[in-house]
Amino acid sequence: MAQLNVNNTLRTVEAESDTPLLWVIREQLGLTGTKYGCGMALCGSCTVHIDGVATRSCSRPLSSVDATAKVVTIEGLSADGSHPVQKAWAALDVPQCGFCQSGMIMAAAALLREKPQPTDADIDAAMTNICRCGSYNRVRAAIHAVASGKLAGAGLQIQHADGSRT
């Protein structure tokens, strides 16, 4: 048996030491907002925070997470969707299919905690999550909206091939 501090609750779980943290979170704790995508820590759908650091949970064995470490899932970021990143995602209609978005939100929240005013280069470096729908421009706009504190009226500017913007 192992103990995990998940979303500020100490939980006892029973799993083999090499069981990926993702499966413990989803199957034993019932927190299904953290998604399985690739299983190789490439896509980022499984991103959680461990002590504030965005971490791919599909490749982290349970044994590598100390009982004193604080694990935060998308459910623990904000139960009611009031986290600024969640608000920005909704305001700017970031998700399309939505599958990758919990991981994207967790990565963006960690970025903004570390760098409250990220540059485009900072966003590119931190947001390595894969989105099949290609919502990257909206992700960037949402992160900038949170950083600027100007969520109301924040909009996505799209430059078309003819040079016009909408």
N, C-alpha and C. Protein backbone atom coordinates (compact mmCIF):
# COMPACT_ATOMS: atom_id res chain seq x y z
N MET A 1 0.85 -1.19 0.00
CA MET A 1 0.00 0.00 0.00
C MET A 1 0.89 1.24 0.00
N ALA A 2 0.39 2.26 -0.67
CA ALA A 2 1.13 3.52 -0.76
C ALA A 2 0.18 4.66 -0.39
N GLN A 3 0.77 5.76 0.03
CA GLN A 3 -0.02 6.94 0.33
C GLN A 3 0.31 8.04 -0.67
N LEU A 4 -0.73 8.73 -1.12
CA LEU A 4 -0.59 9.84 -2.05
C LEU A 4 -1.40 11.02 -1.55
N ASN A 5 -0.84 12.21 -1.66
CA ASN A 5 -1.57 13.43 -1.36
C ASN A 5 -2.08 13.95 -2.71
N VAL A 6 -3.36 13.70 -2.99
CA VAL A 6 -3.95 14.10 -4.26
C VAL A 6 -5.05 15.12 -3.98
N ASN A 7 -4.90 16.29 -4.58
CA ASN A 7 -5.88 17.37 -4.42
C ASN A 7 -6.14 17.69 -2.94
N ASN A 8 -5.04 17.74 -2.20
CA ASN A 8 -5.05 18.07 -0.76
C ASN A 8 -5.75 17.05 0.12
N THR A 9 -5.85 15.83 -0.36
CA THR A 9 -6.41 14.74 0.44
C THR A 9 -5.43 13.59 0.44
N LEU A 10 -5.05 13.12 1.62
CA LEU A 10 -4.14 11.99 1.72
C LEU A 10 -4.94 10.72 1.45
N ARG A 11 -4.50 9.96 0.45
CA ARG A 11 -5.21 8.74 0.04
C ARG A 11 -4.28 7.54 0.16
N THR A 12 -4.84 6.44 0.55
CA THR A 12 -4.12 5.18 0.57
C THR A 12 -4.54 4.39 -0.66
N VAL A 13 -3.56 3.94 -1.42
CA VAL A 13 -3.85 3.19 -2.65
C VAL A 13 -3.09 1.88 -2.61
N GLU A 14 -3.64 0.90 -3.30
CA GLU A 14 -2.99 -0.39 -3.38
C GLU A 14 -2.70 -0.69 -4.84
N ALA A 15 -1.44 -0.65 -5.18
CA ALA A 15 -1.01 -0.91 -6.56
C ALA A 15 0.45 -1.33 -6.54
N GLU A 16 0.85 -2.00 -7.58
CA GLU A 16 2.26 -2.37 -7.73
C GLU A 16 3.09 -1.09 -7.83
N SER A 17 4.31 -1.12 -7.39
CA SER A 17 5.16 0.07 -7.36
C SER A 17 5.43 0.63 -8.75
N ASP A 18 5.37 -0.22 -9.79
CA ASP A 18 5.64 0.25 -11.15
C ASP A 18 4.37 0.67 -11.89
N THR A 19 3.23 0.68 -11.22
CA THR A 19 1.98 1.12 -11.84
C THR A 19 2.08 2.61 -12.15
N PRO A 20 1.76 3.02 -13.37
CA PRO A 20 1.81 4.45 -13.68
C PRO A 20 0.84 5.24 -12.80
N LEU A 21 1.28 6.40 -12.37
CA LEU A 21 0.45 7.28 -11.54
C LEU A 21 -0.89 7.54 -12.21
N LEU A 22 -0.91 7.68 -13.52
CA LEU A 22 -2.16 7.92 -14.26
C LEU A 22 -3.22 6.89 -13.91
N TRP A 23 -2.84 5.62 -13.89
CA TRP A 23 -3.83 4.56 -13.65
C TRP A 23 -4.31 4.58 -12.21
N VAL A 24 -3.44 4.95 -11.29
CA VAL A 24 -3.87 5.07 -9.89
C VAL A 24 -4.88 6.21 -9.77
N ILE A 25 -4.57 7.33 -10.40
CA ILE A 25 -5.47 8.50 -10.35
C ILE A 25 -6.83 8.16 -10.96
N ARG A 26 -6.83 7.55 -12.12
CA ARG A 26 -8.09 7.27 -12.82
C ARG A 26 -8.85 6.09 -12.23
N GLU A 27 -8.17 4.97 -12.05
CA GLU A 27 -8.86 3.73 -11.69
C GLU A 27 -9.11 3.59 -10.19
N GLN A 28 -8.15 3.97 -9.38
CA GLN A 28 -8.34 3.81 -7.94
C GLN A 28 -9.00 5.01 -7.28
N LEU A 29 -8.66 6.20 -7.76
CA LEU A 29 -9.20 7.41 -7.13
C LEU A 29 -10.42 7.95 -7.87
N GLY A 30 -10.69 7.45 -9.06
CA GLY A 30 -11.88 7.85 -9.81
C GLY A 30 -11.82 9.26 -10.36
N LEU A 31 -10.62 9.81 -10.51
CA LEU A 31 -10.45 11.17 -11.04
C LEU A 31 -10.13 11.04 -12.53
N THR A 32 -11.17 11.05 -13.33
CA THR A 32 -11.03 10.72 -14.75
C THR A 32 -10.79 11.93 -15.66
N GLY A 33 -10.59 13.11 -15.09
CA GLY A 33 -10.27 14.28 -15.89
C GLY A 33 -8.89 14.17 -16.51
N THR A 34 -7.99 13.47 -15.86
CA THR A 34 -6.66 13.22 -16.38
C THR A 34 -6.78 12.10 -17.39
N LYS A 35 -6.38 12.35 -18.61
CA LYS A 35 -6.65 11.43 -19.72
C LYS A 35 -5.44 10.59 -20.11
N TYR A 36 -5.73 9.41 -20.65
CA TYR A 36 -4.71 8.57 -21.27
C TYR A 36 -4.68 8.94 -22.75
N GLY A 37 -3.50 9.28 -23.24
CA GLY A 37 -3.37 9.62 -24.65
C GLY A 37 -2.45 8.65 -25.35
N CYS A 38 -1.16 8.76 -25.09
CA CYS A 38 -0.19 7.95 -25.82
C CYS A 38 0.50 6.90 -24.94
N GLY A 39 0.54 7.13 -23.64
CA GLY A 39 1.20 6.19 -22.75
C GLY A 39 2.72 6.29 -22.75
N MET A 40 3.26 7.28 -23.46
CA MET A 40 4.72 7.42 -23.57
C MET A 40 5.20 8.81 -23.17
N ALA A 41 4.34 9.58 -22.50
CA ALA A 41 4.69 10.92 -22.03
C ALA A 41 4.98 11.90 -23.17
N LEU A 42 4.39 11.67 -24.33
CA LEU A 42 4.61 12.55 -25.47
C LEU A 42 3.48 13.55 -25.67
N CYS A 43 2.24 13.12 -25.49
CA CYS A 43 1.11 13.97 -25.89
C CYS A 43 0.67 14.96 -24.81
N GLY A 44 0.84 14.62 -23.55
CA GLY A 44 0.51 15.54 -22.47
C GLY A 44 -0.93 15.47 -21.96
N SER A 45 -1.75 14.58 -22.48
CA SER A 45 -3.13 14.47 -22.01
C SER A 45 -3.20 14.07 -20.54
N CYS A 46 -2.16 13.44 -20.05
CA CYS A 46 -2.12 12.95 -18.68
C CYS A 46 -1.45 13.92 -17.70
N THR A 47 -1.25 15.16 -18.10
CA THR A 47 -0.50 16.11 -17.28
C THR A 47 -1.21 16.43 -15.97
N VAL A 48 -0.45 16.30 -14.89
CA VAL A 48 -0.88 16.70 -13.55
C VAL A 48 0.24 17.57 -12.97
N HIS A 49 0.01 18.15 -11.82
CA HIS A 49 1.08 18.87 -11.13
C HIS A 49 1.59 17.99 -9.99
N ILE A 50 2.88 17.89 -9.87
CA ILE A 50 3.49 17.27 -8.70
C ILE A 50 4.38 18.35 -8.09
N ASP A 51 3.97 18.78 -6.91
CA ASP A 51 4.65 19.90 -6.23
C ASP A 51 4.76 21.11 -7.16
N GLY A 52 3.70 21.37 -7.91
CA GLY A 52 3.62 22.55 -8.76
C GLY A 52 4.24 22.42 -10.13
N VAL A 53 4.85 21.28 -10.41
CA VAL A 53 5.52 21.08 -11.69
C VAL A 53 4.62 20.23 -12.60
N ALA A 54 4.40 20.70 -13.81
CA ALA A 54 3.62 19.93 -14.79
C ALA A 54 4.36 18.64 -15.09
N THR A 55 3.66 17.51 -14.89
CA THR A 55 4.28 16.20 -14.98
C THR A 55 3.38 15.26 -15.77
N ARG A 56 3.95 14.49 -16.66
CA ARG A 56 3.20 13.50 -17.43
C ARG A 56 3.02 12.26 -16.54
N SER A 57 1.81 12.01 -16.13
CA SER A 57 1.54 10.95 -15.15
C SER A 57 1.55 9.55 -15.74
N CYS A 58 1.49 9.41 -17.06
CA CYS A 58 1.47 8.07 -17.65
C CYS A 58 2.81 7.38 -17.55
N SER A 59 3.87 8.13 -17.37
CA SER A 59 5.20 7.54 -17.32
C SER A 59 5.84 7.62 -15.93
N ARG A 60 5.10 8.11 -14.97
CA ARG A 60 5.61 8.19 -13.59
C ARG A 60 5.14 7.00 -12.79
N PRO A 61 6.03 6.10 -12.41
CA PRO A 61 5.60 4.98 -11.58
C PRO A 61 5.17 5.47 -10.20
N LEU A 62 4.22 4.78 -9.63
CA LEU A 62 3.72 5.14 -8.30
C LEU A 62 4.85 5.26 -7.30
N SER A 63 5.84 4.39 -7.39
CA SER A 63 6.96 4.40 -6.44
C SER A 63 7.79 5.68 -6.51
N SER A 64 7.69 6.44 -7.60
CA SER A 64 8.49 7.65 -7.74
C SER A 64 7.83 8.89 -7.13
N VAL A 65 6.62 8.71 -6.60
CA VAL A 65 5.89 9.84 -6.01
C VAL A 65 5.88 9.66 -4.50
N ASP A 66 6.61 10.53 -3.82
CA ASP A 66 6.70 10.47 -2.37
C ASP A 66 5.37 10.83 -1.73
N ALA A 67 5.09 10.25 -0.58
CA ALA A 67 3.82 10.51 0.13
C ALA A 67 3.67 11.98 0.50
N THR A 68 4.77 12.71 0.61
CA THR A 68 4.69 14.13 0.97
C THR A 68 4.51 15.03 -0.26
N ALA A 69 4.67 14.46 -1.44
CA ALA A 69 4.48 15.25 -2.67
C ALA A 69 3.01 15.60 -2.84
N LYS A 70 2.75 16.79 -3.34
CA LYS A 70 1.38 17.22 -3.58
C LYS A 70 1.05 17.06 -5.05
N VAL A 71 0.13 16.13 -5.31
CA VAL A 71 -0.33 15.86 -6.66
C VAL A 71 -1.64 16.62 -6.86
N VAL A 72 -1.73 17.37 -7.95
CA VAL A 72 -2.95 18.10 -8.26
C VAL A 72 -3.39 17.67 -9.66
N THR A 73 -4.65 17.26 -9.75
CA THR A 73 -5.25 16.90 -11.03
C THR A 73 -6.13 18.06 -11.49
N ILE A 74 -6.71 17.94 -12.67
CA ILE A 74 -7.60 18.98 -13.18
C ILE A 74 -8.76 19.20 -12.22
N GLU A 75 -9.23 18.14 -11.56
CA GLU A 75 -10.31 18.28 -10.59
C GLU A 75 -9.88 19.11 -9.38
N GLY A 76 -8.61 19.05 -9.04
CA GLY A 76 -8.08 19.79 -7.90
C GLY A 76 -7.66 21.21 -8.23
N LEU A 77 -7.49 21.50 -9.51
CA LEU A 77 -7.11 22.86 -9.91
C LEU A 77 -8.22 23.82 -9.51
N SER A 78 -9.45 23.42 -9.79
CA SER A 78 -10.62 24.19 -9.38
C SER A 78 -11.85 23.33 -9.64
N ALA A 79 -12.54 23.01 -8.59
CA ALA A 79 -13.71 22.13 -8.72
C ALA A 79 -14.85 22.79 -9.50
N ASP A 80 -14.90 24.13 -9.45
CA ASP A 80 -16.01 24.83 -10.10
C ASP A 80 -15.62 25.59 -11.37
N GLY A 81 -14.41 25.34 -11.88
CA GLY A 81 -13.97 25.99 -13.11
C GLY A 81 -13.60 27.45 -12.95
N SER A 82 -13.28 27.86 -11.73
CA SER A 82 -13.00 29.27 -11.49
C SER A 82 -11.52 29.64 -11.58
N HIS A 83 -10.65 28.70 -11.87
CA HIS A 83 -9.24 29.02 -12.05
C HIS A 83 -9.13 29.93 -13.28
N PRO A 84 -8.28 30.93 -13.25
CA PRO A 84 -8.17 31.86 -14.39
C PRO A 84 -7.90 31.17 -15.73
N VAL A 85 -7.12 30.12 -15.73
CA VAL A 85 -6.86 29.42 -16.99
C VAL A 85 -8.14 28.74 -17.48
N GLN A 86 -8.89 28.14 -16.59
CA GLN A 86 -10.15 27.51 -16.99
C GLN A 86 -11.12 28.55 -17.53
N LYS A 87 -11.17 29.71 -16.89
CA LYS A 87 -12.04 30.79 -17.37
C LYS A 87 -11.62 31.26 -18.76
N ALA A 88 -10.32 31.38 -18.97
CA ALA A 88 -9.83 31.82 -20.28
C ALA A 88 -10.15 30.79 -21.36
N TRP A 89 -10.00 29.52 -21.01
CA TRP A 89 -10.30 28.46 -21.97
C TRP A 89 -11.76 28.55 -22.41
N ALA A 90 -12.65 28.80 -21.45
CA ALA A 90 -14.07 28.90 -21.78
C ALA A 90 -14.37 30.17 -22.56
N ALA A 91 -13.78 31.28 -22.13
CA ALA A 91 -14.06 32.57 -22.76
C ALA A 91 -13.61 32.61 -24.21
N LEU A 92 -12.52 31.93 -24.50
CA LEU A 92 -11.96 31.95 -25.86
C LEU A 92 -12.29 30.69 -26.65
N ASP A 93 -13.18 29.88 -26.13
CA ASP A 93 -13.57 28.65 -26.83
C ASP A 93 -12.35 27.85 -27.30
N VAL A 94 -11.41 27.65 -26.40
CA VAL A 94 -10.17 26.96 -26.78
C VAL A 94 -10.42 25.52 -27.23
N PRO A 95 -11.16 24.73 -26.46
CA PRO A 95 -11.28 23.32 -26.87
C PRO A 95 -12.15 23.11 -28.10
N GLN A 96 -11.78 22.13 -28.88
CA GLN A 96 -12.66 21.68 -29.95
C GLN A 96 -13.20 20.33 -29.53
N CYS A 97 -12.46 19.25 -29.67
CA CYS A 97 -12.97 17.97 -29.19
C CYS A 97 -12.83 17.90 -27.67
N GLY A 98 -11.82 18.56 -27.12
CA GLY A 98 -11.66 18.67 -25.68
C GLY A 98 -10.82 17.60 -25.03
N PHE A 99 -10.45 16.55 -25.75
CA PHE A 99 -9.75 15.43 -25.13
C PHE A 99 -8.45 15.85 -24.46
N CYS A 100 -7.66 16.66 -25.11
CA CYS A 100 -6.34 17.02 -24.59
C CYS A 100 -6.39 18.20 -23.62
N GLN A 101 -7.54 18.82 -23.50
CA GLN A 101 -7.59 20.12 -22.83
C GLN A 101 -7.28 20.10 -21.33
N SER A 102 -7.62 19.04 -20.61
CA SER A 102 -7.27 19.04 -19.19
C SER A 102 -5.75 19.08 -19.03
N GLY A 103 -5.04 18.33 -19.87
CA GLY A 103 -3.58 18.36 -19.84
C GLY A 103 -3.04 19.72 -20.25
N MET A 104 -3.64 20.32 -21.27
CA MET A 104 -3.24 21.66 -21.72
C MET A 104 -3.43 22.68 -20.60
N ILE A 105 -4.58 22.63 -19.94
CA ILE A 105 -4.87 23.56 -18.85
C ILE A 105 -3.86 23.39 -17.72
N MET A 106 -3.54 22.16 -17.38
CA MET A 106 -2.58 21.92 -16.31
C MET A 106 -1.19 22.45 -16.69
N ALA A 107 -0.78 22.24 -17.94
CA ALA A 107 0.51 22.75 -18.40
C ALA A 107 0.52 24.28 -18.39
N ALA A 108 -0.56 24.89 -18.84
CA ALA A 108 -0.65 26.36 -18.87
C ALA A 108 -0.64 26.94 -17.46
N ALA A 109 -1.35 26.31 -16.55
CA ALA A 109 -1.38 26.80 -15.16
C ALA A 109 0.01 26.74 -14.53
N ALA A 110 0.75 25.66 -14.80
CA ALA A 110 2.12 25.55 -14.28
C ALA A 110 3.02 26.62 -14.90
N LEU A 111 2.88 26.84 -16.20
CA LEU A 111 3.66 27.88 -16.88
C LEU A 111 3.40 29.24 -16.25
N LEU A 112 2.13 29.58 -16.08
CA LEU A 112 1.78 30.90 -15.55
C LEU A 112 2.20 31.06 -14.09
N ARG A 113 2.27 29.98 -13.34
CA ARG A 113 2.76 30.05 -11.96
C ARG A 113 4.26 30.37 -11.97
N GLU A 114 4.98 29.75 -12.91
CA GLU A 114 6.42 29.96 -12.99
C GLU A 114 6.76 31.29 -13.66
N LYS A 115 6.02 31.63 -14.71
CA LYS A 115 6.28 32.85 -15.47
C LYS A 115 4.95 33.57 -15.69
N PRO A 116 4.59 34.48 -14.80
CA PRO A 116 3.29 35.15 -14.89
C PRO A 116 3.09 35.97 -16.16
N GLN A 117 4.16 36.37 -16.81
CA GLN A 117 4.08 37.14 -18.05
C GLN A 117 4.89 36.43 -19.14
N PRO A 118 4.44 35.26 -19.58
CA PRO A 118 5.25 34.50 -20.54
C PRO A 118 5.27 35.14 -21.93
N THR A 119 6.40 34.99 -22.57
CA THR A 119 6.54 35.41 -23.96
C THR A 119 6.03 34.27 -24.85
N ASP A 120 5.93 34.55 -26.13
CA ASP A 120 5.56 33.48 -27.07
C ASP A 120 6.57 32.34 -27.01
N ALA A 121 7.85 32.68 -26.86
CA ALA A 121 8.89 31.64 -26.77
C ALA A 121 8.71 30.82 -25.50
N ASP A 122 8.34 31.45 -24.39
CA ASP A 122 8.08 30.72 -23.15
C ASP A 122 6.91 29.75 -23.33
N ILE A 123 5.88 30.22 -24.00
CA ILE A 123 4.70 29.38 -24.24
C ILE A 123 5.08 28.21 -25.13
N ASP A 124 5.83 28.48 -26.19
CA ASP A 124 6.26 27.40 -27.09
C ASP A 124 7.08 26.36 -26.34
N ALA A 125 7.95 26.80 -25.44
CA ALA A 125 8.80 25.87 -24.70
C ALA A 125 8.01 25.05 -23.68
N ALA A 126 7.02 25.64 -23.07
CA ALA A 126 6.27 24.97 -22.00
C ALA A 126 5.10 24.13 -22.50
N MET A 127 4.47 24.59 -23.56
CA MET A 127 3.26 23.92 -24.05
C MET A 127 3.62 22.89 -25.12
N THR A 128 4.10 21.76 -24.66
CA THR A 128 4.51 20.70 -25.58
C THR A 128 3.41 19.66 -25.76
N ASN A 129 2.25 19.92 -25.20
CA ASN A 129 1.11 19.02 -25.34
C ASN A 129 0.66 18.99 -26.80
N ILE A 130 0.14 17.84 -27.21
CA ILE A 130 -0.33 17.68 -28.58
C ILE A 130 -1.85 17.81 -28.62
N CYS A 131 -2.33 18.61 -29.57
CA CYS A 131 -3.76 18.80 -29.79
C CYS A 131 -4.05 18.41 -31.23
N ARG A 132 -4.79 17.33 -31.42
CA ARG A 132 -5.11 16.89 -32.79
C ARG A 132 -5.97 17.90 -33.52
N CYS A 133 -6.76 18.67 -32.79
CA CYS A 133 -7.65 19.65 -33.42
C CYS A 133 -6.90 20.91 -33.84
N GLY A 134 -5.69 21.10 -33.31
CA GLY A 134 -4.88 22.25 -33.69
C GLY A 134 -5.32 23.56 -33.05
N SER A 135 -5.72 23.52 -31.79
CA SER A 135 -6.20 24.73 -31.11
C SER A 135 -5.05 25.56 -30.52
N TYR A 136 -3.87 25.43 -31.04
CA TYR A 136 -2.68 26.08 -30.49
C TYR A 136 -2.80 27.61 -30.45
N ASN A 137 -3.36 28.21 -31.48
CA ASN A 137 -3.51 29.67 -31.48
C ASN A 137 -4.42 30.12 -30.35
N ARG A 138 -5.47 29.37 -30.10
CA ARG A 138 -6.38 29.71 -29.01
C ARG A 138 -5.72 29.47 -27.66
N VAL A 139 -4.92 28.44 -27.56
CA VAL A 139 -4.18 28.18 -26.31
C VAL A 139 -3.28 29.37 -26.01
N ARG A 140 -2.53 29.81 -27.00
CA ARG A 140 -1.63 30.96 -26.82
C ARG A 140 -2.42 32.20 -26.42
N ALA A 141 -3.54 32.45 -27.09
CA ALA A 141 -4.36 33.63 -26.79
C ALA A 141 -4.90 33.55 -25.37
N ALA A 142 -5.32 32.38 -24.94
CA ALA A 142 -5.84 32.23 -23.58
C ALA A 142 -4.76 32.46 -22.54
N ILE A 143 -3.57 31.95 -22.78
CA ILE A 143 -2.47 32.16 -21.84
C ILE A 143 -2.14 33.64 -21.75
N HIS A 144 -2.07 34.32 -22.89
CA HIS A 144 -1.81 35.76 -22.88
C HIS A 144 -2.94 36.53 -22.20
N ALA A 145 -4.18 36.09 -22.37
CA ALA A 145 -5.32 36.76 -21.71
C ALA A 145 -5.20 36.65 -20.20
N VAL A 146 -4.82 35.49 -19.70
CA VAL A 146 -4.64 35.32 -18.26
C VAL A 146 -3.48 36.20 -17.79
N ALA A 147 -2.37 36.17 -18.51
CA ALA A 147 -1.19 36.93 -18.12
C ALA A 147 -1.46 38.43 -18.09
N SER A 148 -2.27 38.91 -19.02
CA SER A 148 -2.55 40.35 -19.09
C SER A 148 -3.61 40.77 -18.09
N GLY A 149 -4.36 39.80 -17.57
CA GLY A 149 -5.44 40.14 -16.65
C GLY A 149 -6.64 40.74 -17.34
N LYS A 150 -6.64 40.66 -18.66
CA LYS A 150 -7.72 41.25 -19.45
C LYS A 150 -8.52 40.16 -20.13
N LEU A 151 -9.13 39.33 -19.31
CA LEU A 151 -9.88 38.21 -19.87
C LEU A 151 -11.14 38.69 -20.58
N ALA A 152 -11.82 39.67 -20.01
CA ALA A 152 -13.02 40.19 -20.66
C ALA A 152 -12.61 40.89 -21.95
N GLY A 153 -13.26 40.54 -23.01
CA GLY A 153 -12.97 41.17 -24.29
C GLY A 153 -11.77 40.58 -25.01
N ALA A 154 -11.12 39.58 -24.36
CA ALA A 154 -9.98 38.95 -25.03
C ALA A 154 -10.51 38.17 -26.22
N GLY A 155 -9.87 38.33 -27.32
CA GLY A 155 -10.35 37.64 -28.50
C GLY A 155 -9.21 37.03 -29.27
N LEU A 156 -9.54 36.08 -30.07
CA LEU A 156 -8.55 35.44 -30.91
C LEU A 156 -8.50 36.17 -32.24
N GLN A 157 -7.37 36.70 -32.58
CA GLN A 157 -7.19 37.39 -33.85
C GLN A 157 -6.62 36.38 -34.84
N ILE A 158 -7.33 36.17 -35.90
CA ILE A 158 -6.86 35.25 -36.93
C ILE A 158 -6.46 36.06 -38.15
N GLN A 159 -5.22 35.84 -38.61
CA GLN A 159 -4.78 36.51 -39.82
C GLN A 159 -5.00 35.56 -40.98
N HIS A 160 -5.78 36.02 -41.95
CA HIS A 160 -6.11 35.20 -43.11
C HIS A 160 -5.04 35.35 -44.18
N ALA A 161 -5.07 34.45 -45.16
CA ALA A 161 -4.08 34.45 -46.22
C ALA A 161 -4.06 35.77 -46.99
N ASP A 162 -5.21 36.46 -47.05
CA ASP A 162 -5.26 37.73 -47.77
C ASP A 162 -4.77 38.91 -46.92
N GLY A 163 -4.31 38.61 -45.69
CA GLY A 163 -3.79 39.67 -44.81
C GLY A 163 -4.84 40.25 -43.88
N SER A 164 -6.11 40.00 -44.12
CA SER A 164 -7.16 40.53 -43.23
C SER A 164 -7.16 39.78 -41.92
N ARG A 165 -7.73 40.43 -40.89
CA ARG A 165 -7.82 39.81 -39.56
C ARG A 165 -9.26 39.79 -39.10
N THR A 166 -9.60 38.73 -38.41
CA THR A 166 -10.93 38.64 -37.79
C THR A 166 -10.78 38.25 -36.34
